[in-house]
Amino acid sequence: MARTVQPANNTSEDDNESLVRVFFRGFFWPVRMIWKGLAWLSSKPPLKQIGHGLRWFFRLRPVRFIGRMLGFGYIRSSWQELHYVTWPTLRESRRLTTAVIIFSVVFGALIAVVDYGLDKLFKQLLVK
C-alpha cells in the first residue's frame, strides 16, 4: 500500500488527522482482507481447497492430540460401527416392543405383589 508524502504547509491538526487515518488504515487492514476473502468465497467457493485445508489442519499433531483427549476417535469409530448393524424390520420391531412391554408389566406386577406381601409381613412382626 503506497503512501503519499504530505506537503510541508499542513497544520499540526491535519498531521494528527492523517496519522490517525494512517493508523486506522493499518489497524483495520487484516479485517478488510478477511472481508474481501469472504466476499470472494461467497461468489465462487473453492471447495477442493477448503477440503485440503481442513485435512491439513486436522492432521496437525496438536489437533490430533486434542482430538484424542476429547474422544473424537471413539465417536468416529462408533459412527462407523453403525454401518455394520443389521437393523430389524418394522414387524420385528413391533413384536419385540410388545414383548418388552408385556415383560415390564408382568415384572412390575410381580414386584408389587412381593412388596405388598413383605409390607404386611413386617407390619405384623413389628406391630406385635
Protein backbone atom coordinates (compact mmCIF):
# COMPACT_ATOMS: atom_id res chain seq x y z
CA MET A 1 0.00 0.00 0.00
CA ALA A 2 1.72 3.19 -1.18
CA ARG A 3 1.57 6.32 0.95
CA THR A 4 1.97 9.80 -0.42
CA VAL A 5 4.16 12.39 1.24
CA GLN A 6 2.24 15.31 2.68
CA PRO A 7 3.29 18.83 1.69
CA ALA A 8 5.12 20.85 4.34
CA ASN A 9 2.44 23.57 4.62
CA ASN A 10 -0.02 21.41 6.63
CA THR A 11 -1.13 22.45 10.08
CA SER A 12 -0.50 20.22 13.10
CA GLU A 13 -4.21 19.28 13.22
CA ASP A 14 -4.04 17.95 9.65
CA ASP A 15 -0.91 15.98 10.55
CA ASN A 16 -2.63 14.41 13.54
CA GLU A 17 -5.66 13.56 11.48
CA SER A 18 -3.57 11.97 8.76
CA LEU A 19 -1.59 9.97 11.34
CA VAL A 20 -4.83 8.75 12.88
CA ARG A 21 -6.15 7.88 9.45
CA VAL A 22 -2.93 6.02 8.62
CA PHE A 23 -3.07 4.20 11.95
CA PHE A 24 -6.64 3.03 11.47
CA ARG A 25 -5.99 2.11 7.85
CA GLY A 26 -3.20 -0.18 9.02
CA PHE A 27 -5.12 -1.36 12.06
CA PHE A 28 -8.16 -2.49 10.05
CA TRP A 29 -6.17 -3.90 7.13
CA PRO A 30 -6.49 -7.56 8.32
CA VAL A 31 -10.22 -7.09 8.78
CA ARG A 32 -10.56 -5.68 5.26
CA MET A 33 -8.55 -8.55 3.81
CA ILE A 34 -10.67 -11.14 5.62
CA TRP A 35 -13.82 -9.37 4.43
CA LYS A 36 -12.57 -9.39 0.83
CA GLY A 37 -11.69 -13.07 1.15
CA LEU A 38 -15.15 -13.91 2.48
CA ALA A 39 -16.76 -11.92 -0.32
CA TRP A 40 -14.69 -13.87 -2.84
CA LEU A 41 -15.59 -17.18 -1.17
CA SER A 42 -19.29 -16.39 -1.31
CA SER A 43 -19.14 -15.72 -5.04
CA LYS A 44 -17.17 -18.86 -6.02
CA PRO A 45 -16.32 -21.23 -3.16
CA PRO A 46 -13.15 -23.33 -3.70
CA LEU A 47 -14.46 -26.49 -2.07
CA LYS A 48 -11.47 -28.59 -3.05
CA GLN A 49 -9.02 -26.14 -1.48
CA ILE A 50 -11.14 -25.86 1.66
CA GLY A 51 -11.18 -29.64 1.96
CA HIS A 52 -7.40 -29.79 1.58
CA GLY A 53 -7.01 -27.05 4.20
CA LEU A 54 -9.27 -28.87 6.66
CA ARG A 55 -7.46 -32.13 6.07
CA TRP A 56 -4.11 -30.41 6.69
CA PHE A 57 -5.42 -28.75 9.86
CA PHE A 58 -6.85 -31.91 11.37
CA ARG A 59 -3.64 -33.85 10.66
CA LEU A 60 -1.56 -31.46 12.75
CA ARG A 61 -0.09 -33.14 15.83
CA PRO A 62 -1.59 -30.78 18.43
CA VAL A 63 -5.04 -31.03 16.86
CA ARG A 64 -4.85 -34.83 16.78
CA PHE A 65 -3.72 -34.84 20.42
CA ILE A 66 -6.67 -32.66 21.45
CA GLY A 67 -8.99 -34.91 19.45
CA ARG A 68 -7.67 -37.96 21.29
CA MET A 69 -8.13 -36.21 24.63
CA LEU A 70 -11.73 -35.31 23.79
CA GLY A 71 -12.55 -38.78 22.45
CA PHE A 72 -13.31 -37.90 18.83
CA GLY A 73 -11.75 -41.17 17.66
CA TYR A 74 -14.21 -43.10 19.79
CA ILE A 75 -17.13 -41.15 18.34
CA ARG A 76 -15.89 -41.68 14.78
CA SER A 77 -15.39 -45.41 15.25
CA SER A 78 -18.81 -45.71 16.89
CA TRP A 79 -20.38 -43.94 13.92
CA GLN A 80 -18.58 -46.31 11.52
CA GLU A 81 -19.78 -49.27 13.58
CA LEU A 82 -23.38 -48.27 12.92
CA HIS A 83 -22.89 -49.18 9.25
CA TYR A 84 -22.37 -52.82 10.28
CA VAL A 85 -25.57 -53.05 12.32
CA THR A 86 -28.38 -55.18 10.94
CA TRP A 87 -31.48 -53.18 11.72
CA PRO A 88 -34.74 -55.06 12.42
CA THR A 89 -37.73 -54.78 10.14
CA LEU A 90 -40.86 -52.93 11.21
CA ARG A 91 -42.64 -56.22 12.00
CA GLU A 92 -39.76 -57.44 14.18
CA SER A 93 -39.61 -54.07 15.96
CA ARG A 94 -43.32 -54.24 16.82
CA ARG A 95 -43.05 -57.83 18.03
CA LEU A 96 -40.01 -57.11 20.21
CA THR A 97 -41.54 -53.90 21.60
CA THR A 98 -44.69 -55.78 22.52
CA ALA A 99 -42.61 -58.45 24.27
CA VAL A 100 -40.75 -55.78 26.28
CA ILE A 101 -43.99 -54.07 27.32
CA ILE A 102 -45.59 -57.36 28.41
CA PHE A 103 -42.46 -58.37 30.34
CA SER A 104 -42.34 -54.96 32.05
CA VAL A 105 -45.99 -55.16 33.13
CA VAL A 106 -45.62 -58.73 34.43
CA PHE A 107 -42.37 -57.96 36.26
CA GLY A 108 -43.86 -54.76 37.73
CA ALA A 109 -46.90 -56.69 38.98
CA LEU A 110 -44.63 -59.35 40.50
CA ILE A 111 -42.57 -56.71 42.31
CA ALA A 112 -45.78 -55.04 43.53
CA VAL A 113 -47.11 -58.35 44.93
CA VAL A 114 -43.81 -59.11 46.69
CA ASP A 115 -43.65 -55.56 48.08
CA TYR A 116 -47.22 -55.78 49.36
CA GLY A 117 -46.56 -59.18 50.95
CA LEU A 118 -43.33 -58.05 52.66
CA ASP A 119 -45.06 -54.87 53.86
CA LYS A 120 -47.84 -56.90 55.52
CA LEU A 121 -45.33 -59.39 56.97
CA PHE A 122 -43.09 -56.74 58.56
CA LYS A 123 -46.05 -54.76 59.87
CA GLN A 124 -47.35 -57.96 61.54
CA LEU A 125 -43.93 -58.70 63.04
CA LEU A 126 -43.13 -55.18 64.20
CA VAL A 127 -46.57 -54.18 65.46
CA LYS A 128 -46.96 -57.24 67.75
